[in-house]
PDB file of N, CA and C in Angstrom:
ATOM      1  N   MET A   1     101.540  28.219  89.260  1.00  0.00           N
ATOM      2  CA  MET A   1     100.826  28.767  90.390  1.00  0.00           C
ATOM      3  C   MET A   1     101.312  30.200  90.604  1.00  0.00           C
ATOM      4  N   THR A   2     100.365  31.129  90.701  1.00  0.00           N
ATOM      5  CA  THR A   2     100.702  32.529  90.916  1.00  0.00           C
ATOM      6  C   THR A   2     100.614  32.866  92.387  1.00  0.00           C
ATOM      7  N   HIS A   3     101.449  33.795  92.779  1.00  0.00           N
ATOM      8  CA  HIS A   3     101.477  34.215  94.183  1.00  0.00           C
ATOM      9  C   HIS A   3     100.580  35.433  94.366  1.00  0.00           C
ATOM     10  N   ARG A   4      99.713  35.385  95.358  1.00  0.00           N
ATOM     11  CA  ARG A   4      98.850  36.526  95.662  1.00  0.00           C
ATOM     12  C   ARG A   4      99.163  37.018  97.060  1.00  0.00           C
ATOM     13  N   ASP A   5      99.106  38.332  97.244  1.00  0.00           N
ATOM     14  CA  ASP A   5      99.304  38.917  98.575  1.00  0.00           C
ATOM     15  C   ASP A   5      97.995  38.869  99.350  1.00  0.00           C
ATOM     16  N   PRO A   6      98.059  38.888 100.674  1.00  0.00           N
ATOM     17  CA  PRO A   6      96.835  38.920 101.479  1.00  0.00           C
ATOM     18  C   PRO A   6      96.022  40.171 101.166  1.00  0.00           C
ATOM     19  N   PRO A   7      94.723  40.100 101.290  1.00  0.00           N
ATOM     20  CA  PRO A   7      93.869  41.229 100.888  1.00  0.00           C
ATOM     21  C   PRO A   7      93.956  42.413 101.848  1.00  0.00           C
ATOM     22  N   GLY A   8      93.940  43.589 101.284  1.00  0.00           N
ATOM     23  CA  GLY A   8      93.762  44.860 101.984  1.00  0.00           C
ATOM     24  C   GLY A   8      94.632  45.131 103.192  1.00  0.00           C
ATOM     25  N   ILE A   9      94.029  45.781 104.147  1.00  0.00           N
ATOM     26  CA  ILE A   9      94.739  46.260 105.323  1.00  0.00           C
ATOM     27  C   ILE A   9      95.015  45.146 106.332  1.00  0.00           C
ATOM     28  N   ILE A  10      94.418  43.996 106.138  1.00  0.00           N
ATOM     29  CA  ILE A  10      94.585  42.884 107.074  1.00  0.00           C
ATOM     30  C   ILE A  10      95.944  42.214 106.878  1.00  0.00           C
ATOM     31  N   ALA A  11      96.611  42.474 105.771  1.00  0.00           N
ATOM     32  CA  ALA A  11      97.848  41.796 105.414  1.00  0.00           C
ATOM     33  C   ALA A  11      98.913  41.789 106.515  1.00  0.00           C
ATOM     34  N   PRO A  12      99.222  42.851 107.194  1.00  0.00           N
ATOM     35  CA  PRO A  12     100.283  42.793 108.193  1.00  0.00           C
ATOM     36  C   PRO A  12      99.949  41.889 109.386  1.00  0.00           C
ATOM     37  N   HIS A  13      98.690  41.535 109.571  1.00  0.00           N
ATOM     38  CA  HIS A  13      98.292  40.760 110.730  1.00  0.00           C
ATOM     39  C   HIS A  13      98.211  39.266 110.468  1.00  0.00           C
ATOM     40  N   ILE A  14      98.380  38.840 109.217  1.00  0.00           N
ATOM     41  CA  ILE A  14      98.355  37.423 108.879  1.00  0.00           C
ATOM     42  C   ILE A  14      99.797  36.973 108.648  1.00  0.00           C
ATOM     43  N   PRO A  15     100.272  35.978 109.396  1.00  0.00           N
ATOM     44  CA  PRO A  15     101.645  35.486 109.141  1.00  0.00           C
ATOM     45  C   PRO A  15     101.756  34.958 107.711  1.00  0.00           C
ATOM     46  N   ALA A  16     102.881  35.278 107.063  1.00  0.00           N
ATOM     47  CA  ALA A  16     103.055  34.953 105.641  1.00  0.00           C
ATOM     48  C   ALA A  16     103.026  33.450 105.393  1.00  0.00           C
ATOM     49  N   ASP A  17     103.656  32.641 106.260  1.00  0.00           N
ATOM     50  CA  ASP A  17     103.668  31.200 106.011  1.00  0.00           C
ATOM     51  C   ASP A  17     102.272  30.596 106.162  1.00  0.00           C
ATOM     52  N   ASP A  18     101.445  31.120 107.056  1.00  0.00           N
ATOM     53  CA  ASP A  18     100.062  30.630 107.176  1.00  0.00           C
ATOM     54  C   ASP A  18      99.253  30.980 105.924  1.00  0.00           C
ATOM     55  N   TRP A  19      99.443  32.182 105.428  1.00  0.00           N
ATOM     56  CA  TRP A  19      98.739  32.602 104.218  1.00  0.00           C
ATOM     57  C   TRP A  19      99.129  31.745 103.028  1.00  0.00           C
ATOM     58  N   ARG A  20     100.420  31.503 102.857  1.00  0.00           N
ATOM     59  CA  ARG A  20     100.887  30.700 101.721  1.00  0.00           C
ATOM     60  C   ARG A  20     100.432  29.241 101.839  1.00  0.00           C
ATOM     61  N   ARG A  21     100.446  28.684 103.059  1.00  0.00           N
ATOM     62  CA  ARG A  21      99.988  27.311 103.264  1.00  0.00           C
ATOM     63  C   ARG A  21      98.509  27.190 102.898  1.00  0.00           C
ATOM     64  N   ALA A  22      97.700  28.167 103.360  1.00  0.00           N
ATOM     65  CA  ALA A  22      96.272  28.136 103.048  1.00  0.00           C
ATOM     66  C   ALA A  22      96.039  28.313 101.557  1.00  0.00           C
ATOM     67  N   GLU A  23      96.850  29.118 100.909  1.00  0.00           N
ATOM     68  CA  GLU A  23      96.720  29.335  99.465  1.00  0.00           C
ATOM     69  C   GLU A  23      97.103  28.082  98.686  1.00  0.00           C
ATOM     70  N   ALA A  24      98.143  27.381  99.136  1.00  0.00           N
ATOM     71  CA  ALA A  24      98.627  26.196  98.424  1.00  0.00           C
ATOM     72  C   ALA A  24      97.680  25.014  98.603  1.00  0.00           C
ATOM     73  N   THR A  25      97.130  24.842  99.793  1.00  0.00           N
ATOM     74  CA  THR A  25      96.276  23.683 100.054  1.00  0.00           C
ATOM     75  C   THR A  25      94.815  23.948  99.763  1.00  0.00           C
ATOM     76  N   GLY A  26      94.446  25.194  99.627  1.00  0.00           N
ATOM     77  CA  GLY A  26      93.052  25.538  99.402  1.00  0.00           C
ATOM     78  C   GLY A  26      92.225  25.518 100.676  1.00  0.00           C
ATOM     79  N   ALA A  27      92.887  25.435 101.819  1.00  0.00           N
ATOM     80  CA  ALA A  27      92.186  25.426 103.100  1.00  0.00           C
ATOM     81  C   ALA A  27      91.618  26.823 103.385  1.00  0.00           C
ATOM     82  N   PRO A  28      90.483  26.866 104.048  1.00  0.00           N
ATOM     83  CA  PRO A  28      89.925  28.190 104.364  1.00  0.00           C
ATOM     84  C   PRO A  28      90.775  28.911 105.411  1.00  0.00           C
ATOM     85  N   LEU A  29      90.840  30.202 105.271  1.00  0.00           N
ATOM     86  CA  LEU A  29      91.582  31.036 106.214  1.00  0.00           C
ATOM     87  C   LEU A  29      90.565  31.883 106.961  1.00  0.00           C
ATOM     88  N   VAL A  30      90.509  31.707 108.266  1.00  0.00           N
ATOM     89  CA  VAL A  30      89.540  32.431 109.087  1.00  0.00           C
ATOM     90  C   VAL A  30      90.215  33.689 109.632  1.00  0.00           C
ATOM     91  N   ILE A  31      89.621  34.831 109.364  1.00  0.00           N
ATOM     92  CA  ILE A  31      90.150  36.114 109.840  1.00  0.00           C
ATOM     93  C   ILE A  31      89.159  36.673 110.849  1.00  0.00           C
ATOM     94  N   VAL A  32      89.645  36.915 112.059  1.00  0.00           N
ATOM     95  CA  VAL A  32      88.799  37.460 113.120  1.00  0.00           C
ATOM     96  C   VAL A  32      89.156  38.930 113.296  1.00  0.00           C
ATOM     97  N   VAL A  33      88.174  39.784 113.133  1.00  0.00           N
ATOM     98  CA  VAL A  33      88.364  41.221 113.290  1.00  0.00           C
ATOM     99  C   VAL A  33      87.598  41.662 114.520  1.00  0.00           C
ATOM    100  N   GLN A  34      88.313  42.214 115.483  1.00  0.00           N
ATOM    101  CA  GLN A  34      87.663  42.677 116.705  1.00  0.00           C
ATOM    102  C   GLN A  34      87.263  44.136 116.546  1.00  0.00           C
ATOM    103  N   THR A  35      86.051  44.425 116.932  1.00  0.00           N
ATOM    104  CA  THR A  35      85.577  45.804 116.877  1.00  0.00           C
ATOM    105  C   THR A  35      85.243  46.262 118.288  1.00  0.00           C
ATOM    106  N   THR A  36      85.236  47.546 118.477  1.00  0.00           N
ATOM    107  CA  THR A  36      84.870  48.100 119.783  1.00  0.00           C
ATOM    108  C   THR A  36      83.374  48.336 119.824  1.00  0.00           C
ATOM    109  N   ASP A  37      82.807  48.193 120.978  1.00  0.00           N
ATOM    110  CA  ASP A  37      81.365  48.373 121.161  1.00  0.00           C
ATOM    111  C   ASP A  37      81.092  49.828 121.528  1.00  0.00           C
ATOM    112  N   HIS A  38      80.359  50.524 120.694  1.00  0.00           N
ATOM    113  CA  HIS A  38      80.064  51.936 120.924  1.00  0.00           C
ATOM    114  C   HIS A  38      78.656  52.143 121.470  1.00  0.00           C
ATOM    115  N   SER A  39      78.117  51.154 122.162  1.00  0.00           N
ATOM    116  CA  SER A  39      76.746  51.292 122.648  1.00  0.00           C
ATOM    117  C   SER A  39      76.667  52.052 123.971  1.00  0.00           C
ATOM    118  N   GLY A  40      77.802  52.298 124.643  1.00  0.00           N
ATOM    119  CA  GLY A  40      77.790  53.002 125.924  1.00  0.00           C
ATOM    120  C   GLY A  40      77.704  54.505 125.753  1.00  0.00           C
ATOM    121  N   ILE A  41      77.756  55.201 126.861  1.00  0.00           N
ATOM    122  CA  ILE A  41      77.700  56.666 126.850  1.00  0.00           C
ATOM    123  C   ILE A  41      79.076  57.203 126.477  1.00  0.00           C
ATOM    124  N   PRO A  42      79.156  58.103 125.501  1.00  0.00           N
ATOM    125  CA  PRO A  42      80.449  58.715 125.163  1.00  0.00           C
ATOM    126  C   PRO A  42      80.797  59.779 126.221  1.00  0.00           C
ATOM    127  N   TRP A  43      81.552  59.372 127.227  1.00  0.00           N
ATOM    128  CA  TRP A  43      81.808  60.241 128.379  1.00  0.00           C
ATOM    129  C   TRP A  43      82.490  61.541 128.011  1.00  0.00           C
ATOM    130  N   ARG A  44      83.350  61.538 127.013  1.00  0.00           N
ATOM    131  CA  ARG A  44      84.040  62.784 126.650  1.00  0.00           C
ATOM    132  C   ARG A  44      83.042  63.825 126.139  1.00  0.00           C
ATOM    133  N   ARG A  45      82.059  63.367 125.336  1.00  0.00           N
ATOM    134  CA  ARG A  45      81.052  64.298 124.825  1.00  0.00           C
ATOM    135  C   ARG A  45      80.165  64.831 125.937  1.00  0.00           C
ATOM    136  N   VAL A  46      80.029  64.090 127.027  1.00  0.00           N
ATOM    137  CA  VAL A  46      79.165  64.506 128.131  1.00  0.00           C
ATOM    138  C   VAL A  46      79.925  65.381 129.125  1.00  0.00           C
ATOM    139  N   LEU A  47      81.159  65.012 129.438  1.00  0.00           N
ATOM    140  CA  LEU A  47      81.891  65.694 130.496  1.00  0.00           C
ATOM    141  C   LEU A  47      82.447  67.056 130.091  1.00  0.00           C
ATOM    142  N   ILE A  48      82.802  67.231 128.841  1.00  0.00           N
ATOM    143  CA  ILE A  48      83.393  68.514 128.421  1.00  0.00           C
ATOM    144  C   ILE A  48      82.403  69.676 128.593  1.00  0.00           C
ATOM    145  N   PRO A  49      81.132  69.572 128.185  1.00  0.00           N
ATOM    146  CA  PRO A  49      80.212  70.686 128.438  1.00  0.00           C
ATOM    147  C   PRO A  49      79.991  70.957 129.927  1.00  0.00           C
ATOM    148  N   PHE A  50      79.952  69.887 130.738  1.00  0.00           N
ATOM    149  CA  PHE A  50      79.804  70.101 132.181  1.00  0.00           C
ATOM    150  C   PHE A  50      81.036  70.790 132.767  1.00  0.00           C
ATOM    151  N   ALA A  51      82.215  70.447 132.286  1.00  0.00           N
ATOM    152  CA  ALA A  51      83.437  71.094 132.761  1.00  0.00           C
ATOM    153  C   ALA A  51      83.457  72.575 132.380  1.00  0.00           C
ATOM    154  N   VAL A  52      83.034  72.880 131.166  1.00  0.00           N
ATOM    155  CA  VAL A  52      83.000  74.283 130.734  1.00  0.00           C
ATOM    156  C   VAL A  52      81.971  75.069 131.548  1.00  0.00           C
ATOM    157  N   ALA A  53      80.795  74.482 131.760  1.00  0.00           N
ATOM    158  CA  ALA A  53      79.761  75.159 132.547  1.00  0.00           C
ATOM    159  C   ALA A  53      80.209  75.340 133.995  1.00  0.00           C
ATOM    160  N   GLY A  54      80.877  74.349 134.559  1.00  0.00           N
ATOM    161  CA  GLY A  54      81.383  74.477 135.928  1.00  0.00           C
ATOM    162  C   GLY A  54      82.441  75.556 136.049  1.00  0.00           C
ATOM    163  N   ALA A  55      83.336  75.633 135.074  1.00  0.00           N
ATOM    164  CA  ALA A  55      84.361  76.679 135.094  1.00  0.00           C
ATOM    165  C   ALA A  55      83.730  78.068 134.958  1.00  0.00           C
ATOM    166  N   ALA A  56      82.716  78.185 134.115  1.00  0.00           N
ATOM    167  CA  ALA A  56      82.032  79.478 133.965  1.00  0.00           C
ATOM    168  C   ALA A  56      81.314  79.868 135.249  1.00  0.00           C
ATOM    169  N   ALA A  57      80.680  78.893 135.914  1.00  0.00           N
ATOM    170  CA  ALA A  57      79.982  79.189 137.166  1.00  0.00           C
ATOM    171  C   ALA A  57      80.967  79.620 138.245  1.00  0.00           C
ATOM    172  N   LEU A  58      82.098  78.909 138.363  1.00  0.00           N
ATOM    173  CA  LEU A  58      83.104  79.301 139.359  1.00  0.00           C
ATOM    174  C   LEU A  58      83.681  80.679 139.039  1.00  0.00           C
ATOM    175  N   GLY A  59      83.873  80.972 137.768  1.00  0.00           N
ATOM    176  CA  GLY A  59      84.374  82.299 137.393  1.00  0.00           C
ATOM    177  C   GLY A  59      83.392  83.395 137.758  1.00  0.00           C
ATOM    178  N   CYS A  60      82.101  83.147 137.556  1.00  0.00           N
ATOM    179  CA  CYS A  60      81.088  84.149 137.922  1.00  0.00           C
ATOM    180  C   CYS A  60      81.052  84.361 139.439  1.00  0.00           C
ATOM    181  N   TRP A  61      81.115  83.258 140.195  1.00  0.00           N
ATOM    182  CA  TRP A  61      81.139  83.404 141.660  1.00  0.00           C
ATOM    183  C   TRP A  61      82.384  84.159 142.123  1.00  0.00           C
ATOM    184  N   GLY A  62      83.513  83.908 141.493  1.00  0.00           N
ATOM    185  CA  GLY A  62      84.732  84.644 141.825  1.00  0.00           C
ATOM    186  C   GLY A  62      84.598  86.120 141.507  1.00  0.00           C
ATOM    187  N   LEU A  63      83.972  86.434 140.382  1.00  0.00           N
ATOM    188  CA  LEU A  63      83.763  87.837 140.016  1.00  0.00           C
ATOM    189  C   LEU A  63      82.835  88.533 141.014  1.00  0.00           C
ATOM    190  N   ILE A  64      81.795  87.849 141.436  1.00  0.00           N
ATOM    191  CA  ILE A  64      80.869  88.420 142.421  1.00  0.00           C
ATOM    192  C   ILE A  64      81.576  88.635 143.761  1.00  0.00           C
ATOM    193  N   ALA A  65      82.391  87.666 144.191  1.00  0.00           N
ATOM    194  CA  ALA A  65      83.126  87.808 145.459  1.00  0.00           C
ATOM    195  C   ALA A  65      84.108  88.970 145.393  1.00  0.00           C
ATOM    196  N   ALA A  66      84.786  89.132 144.258  1.00  0.00           N
ATOM    197  CA  ALA A  66      85.725  90.248 144.108  1.00  0.00           C
ATOM    198  C   ALA A  66      84.990  91.586 144.122  1.00  0.00           C
ATOM    199  N   LEU A  67      83.834  91.654 143.487  1.00  0.00           N
ATOM    200  CA  LEU A  67      83.047  92.884 143.489  1.00  0.00           C
ATOM    201  C   LEU A  67      82.564  93.231 144.895  1.00  0.00           C
ATOM    202  N   CYS A  68      82.124  92.220 145.645  1.00  0.00           N
ATOM    203  CA  CYS A  68      81.691  92.459 147.028  1.00  0.00           C
ATOM    204  C   CYS A  68      82.848  92.954 147.893  1.00  0.00           C
ATOM    205  N   ALA A  69      84.025  92.357 147.719  1.00  0.00           N
ATOM    206  CA  ALA A  69      85.192  92.799 148.488  1.00  0.00           C
ATOM    207  C   ALA A  69      85.568  94.232 148.126  1.00  0.00           C
ATOM    208  N   LEU A  70      85.477  94.577 146.854  1.00  0.00           N
ATOM    209  CA  LEU A  70      85.795  95.936 146.418  1.00  0.00           C
ATOM    210  C   LEU A  70      84.798  96.946 146.987  1.00  0.00           C
ATOM    211  N   LEU A  71      83.509  96.619 146.959  1.00  0.00           N
ATOM    212  CA  LEU A  71      82.504  97.526 147.520  1.00  0.00           C
ATOM    213  C   LEU A  71      82.646  97.657 149.032  1.00  0.00           C
ATOM    214  N   ASP A  72      83.002  96.559 149.707  1.00  0.00           N
ATOM    215  CA  ASP A  72      83.219  96.617 151.146  1.00  0.00           C
ATOM    216  C   ASP A  72      84.405  97.524 151.480  1.00  0.00           C
ATOM    217  N   ALA A  73      85.483  97.396 150.720  1.00  0.00           N
ATOM    218  CA  ALA A  73      86.643  98.258 150.950  1.00  0.00           C
ATOM    219  C   ALA A  73      86.308  99.723 150.661  1.00  0.00           C
ATOM    220  N   ALA A  74      85.511  99.970 149.627  1.00  0.00           N
ATOM    221  CA  ALA A  74      85.127 101.353 149.320  1.00  0.00           C
ATOM    222  C   ALA A  74      84.243 101.930 150.419  1.00  0.00           C
ATOM    223  N   ALA A  75      83.336 101.136 150.972  1.00  0.00           N
ATOM    224  CA  ALA A  75      82.477 101.622 152.051  1.00  0.00           C
ATOM    225  C   ALA A  75      83.288 101.930 153.304  1.00  0.00           C
ATOM    226  N   HIS A  76      84.247 101.074 153.630  1.00  0.00           N
ATOM    227  CA  HIS A  76      85.098 101.349 154.790  1.00  0.00           C
ATOM    228  C   HIS A  76      85.946 102.591 154.568  1.00  0.00           C
ATOM    229  N   ALA A  77      86.468 102.751 153.359  1.00  0.00           N
ATOM    230  CA  ALA A  77      87.264 103.946 153.067  1.00  0.00           C
ATOM    231  C   ALA A  77      86.403 105.199 153.186  1.00  0.00           C
ATOM    232  N   TRP A  78      85.158 105.136 152.709  1.00  0.00           N
ATOM    233  CA  TRP A  78      84.261 106.286 152.792  1.00  0.00           C
ATOM    234  C   TRP A  78      83.971 106.656 154.250  1.00  0.00           C
ATOM    235  N   THR A  79      83.736 105.678 155.088  1.00  0.00           N
ATOM    236  CA  THR A  79      83.445 105.988 156.491  1.00  0.00           C
ATOM    237  C   THR A  79      84.661 106.550 157.199  1.00  0.00           C
ATOM    238  N   VAL A  80      85.848 106.072 156.882  1.00  0.00           N
ATOM    239  CA  VAL A  80      87.059 106.615 157.504  1.00  0.00           C
ATOM    240  C   VAL A  80      87.280 108.053 157.064  1.00  0.00           C
ATOM    241  N   ILE A  81      87.110 108.326 155.782  1.00  0.00           N
ATOM    242  CA  ILE A  81      87.293 109.689 155.272  1.00  0.00           C
ATOM    243  C   ILE A  81      86.229 110.616 155.855  1.00  0.00           C
ATOM    244  N   ALA A  82      84.983 110.165 155.894  1.00  0.00           N
ATOM    245  CA  ALA A  82      83.903 111.011 156.412  1.00  0.00           C
ATOM    246  C   ALA A  82      84.072 111.274 157.901  1.00  0.00           C
ATOM    247  N   GLY A  83      84.558 110.287 158.632  1.00  0.00           N
ATOM    248  CA  GLY A  83      84.768 110.487 160.067  1.00  0.00           C
ATOM    249  C   GLY A  83      85.929 111.426 160.356  1.00  0.00           C
ATOM    250  N   ALA A  84      86.925 111.443 159.512  1.00  0.00           N
ATOM    251  CA  ALA A  84      88.101 112.276 159.730  1.00  0.00           C
ATOM    252  C   ALA A  84      87.864 113.729 159.346  1.00  0.00           C
ATOM    253  N   THR A  85      86.954 114.003 158.431  1.00  0.00           N
ATOM    254  CA  THR A  85      86.771 115.371 157.959  1.00  0.00           C
ATOM    255  C   THR A  85      85.947 116.219 158.911  1.00  0.00           C
ATOM    256  N   GLY A  86      85.058 115.621 159.662  1.00  0.00           N
ATOM    257  CA  GLY A  86      84.218 116.418 160.563  1.00  0.00           C
ATOM    258  C   GLY A  86      83.048 117.012 159.797  1.00  0.00           C
ATOM    259  N   PRO A  87      82.364 117.978 160.432  1.00  0.00           N
ATOM    260  CA  PRO A  87      81.194 118.572 159.771  1.00  0.00           C
ATOM    261  C   PRO A  87      81.591 119.501 158.619  1.00  0.00           C
ATOM    262  N   ILE A  88      80.754 119.504 157.575  1.00  0.00           N
ATOM    263  CA  ILE A  88      80.983 120.386 156.426  1.00  0.00           C
ATOM    264  C   ILE A  88      79.875 121.437 156.457  1.00  0.00           C
ATOM    265  N   GLY A  89      80.275 122.685 156.316  1.00  0.00           N
ATOM    266  CA  GLY A  89      79.280 123.760 156.345  1.00  0.00           C
ATOM    267  C   GLY A  89      79.354 124.610 155.100  1.00  0.00           C
ATOM    268  N   ILE A  90      78.152 124.919 154.530  1.00  0.00           N
ATOM    269  CA  ILE A  90      78.073 125.798 153.371  1.00  0.00           C
ATOM    270  C   ILE A  90      76.926 126.767 153.640  1.00  0.00           C
ATOM    271  N   GLY A  91      77.238 128.032 153.711  1.00  0.00           N
ATOM    272  CA  GLY A  91      76.212 129.064 153.865  1.00  0.00           C
ATOM    273  C   GLY A  91      75.384 128.915 155.133  1.00  0.00           C
ATOM    274  N   GLY A  92      75.982 128.525 156.224  1.00  0.00           N
ATOM    275  CA  GLY A  92      75.280 128.409 157.478  1.00  0.00           C
ATOM    276  C   GLY A  92      74.627 127.059 157.708  1.00  0.00           C
ATOM    277  N   ILE A  93      74.625 126.185 156.719  1.00  0.00           N
ATOM    278  CA  ILE A  93      74.075 124.840 156.891  1.00  0.00           C
ATOM    279  C   ILE A  93      75.242 123.875 157.085  1.00  0.00           C
ATOM    280  N   THR A  94      75.230 123.180 158.181  1.00  0.00           N
ATOM    281  CA  THR A  94      76.317 122.230 158.437  1.00  0.00           C
ATOM    282  C   THR A  94      75.787 120.811 158.254  1.00  0.00           C
ATOM    283  N   LEU A  95      76.647 119.994 157.736  1.00  0.00           N
ATOM    284  CA  LEU A  95      76.302 118.577 157.469  1.00  0.00           C
ATOM    285  C   LEU A  95      77.438 117.714 157.966  1.00  0.00           C
ATOM    286  N   LYS A  96      77.114 116.822 158.845  1.00  0.00           N
ATOM    287  CA  LYS A  96      78.141 115.884 159.316  1.00  0.00           C
ATOM    288  C   LYS A  96      77.994 114.614 158.477  1.00  0.00           C
ATOM    289  N   LEU A  97      79.096 114.184 157.867  1.00  0.00           N
ATOM    290  CA  LEU A  97      79.047 113.042 156.957  1.00  0.00           C
ATOM    291  C   LEU A  97      78.928 111.704 157.668  1.00  0.00           C
ATOM    292  N   ALA A  98      79.434 111.639 158.870  1.00  0.00           N
ATOM    293  CA  ALA A  98      79.339 110.375 159.611  1.00  0.00           C
ATOM    294  C   ALA A  98      78.882 110.670 161.024  1.00  0.00           C
ATOM    295  N   ARG A  99      78.043 109.825 161.556  1.00  0.00           N
ATOM    296  CA  ARG A  99      77.568 110.000 162.924  1.00  0.00           C
ATOM    297  C   ARG A  99      78.620 109.541 163.902  1.00  0.00           C
ATOM    298  N   ALA A 100      78.758 110.274 164.980  1.00  0.00           N
ATOM    299  CA  ALA A 100      79.704 109.906 166.015  1.00  0.00           C
ATOM    300  C   ALA A 100      79.159 108.723 166.798  1.00  0.00           C
ATOM    301  N   LYS A 101      80.038 107.852 167.212  1.00  0.00           N
ATOM    302  CA  LYS A 101      79.612 106.709 168.004  1.00  0.00           C
ATOM    303  C   LYS A 101      79.353 107.165 169.437  1.00  0.00           C
ATOM    304  N   THR A 102      78.183 106.894 169.927  1.00  0.00           N
ATOM    305  CA  THR A 102      77.832 107.253 171.308  1.00  0.00           C
ATOM    306  C   THR A 102      77.702 105.972 172.100  1.00  0.00           C
ATOM    307  N   HIS A 103      78.278 105.943 173.263  1.00  0.00           N
ATOM    308  CA  HIS A 103      78.244 104.739 174.082  1.00  0.00           C
ATOM    309  C   HIS A 103      77.246 104.851 175.169  1.00  0.00           C
TER     310      HIS A 103
END
């Protein structure tokens, strides 16, 4: 009688004494292989594009908010500078850069 090893990659999962007993007696050996069911939605493939799009949208909104804050600061700086300088005159024509507040 020759000794045979269990077939393929399943070998580590079959106890050796069960394999040898089945081989010696000729009894059938039932091997159950469990597989995973891939019929559902692959969430990783779905969520990664949404995460990237969400990050890009938040980045764009942040860029717009920063630009608005920068323009607001520049407008305030311009009004302060224009109010402090007073009227500018060239060749008899005077131009006031900012209107005085009248109450």
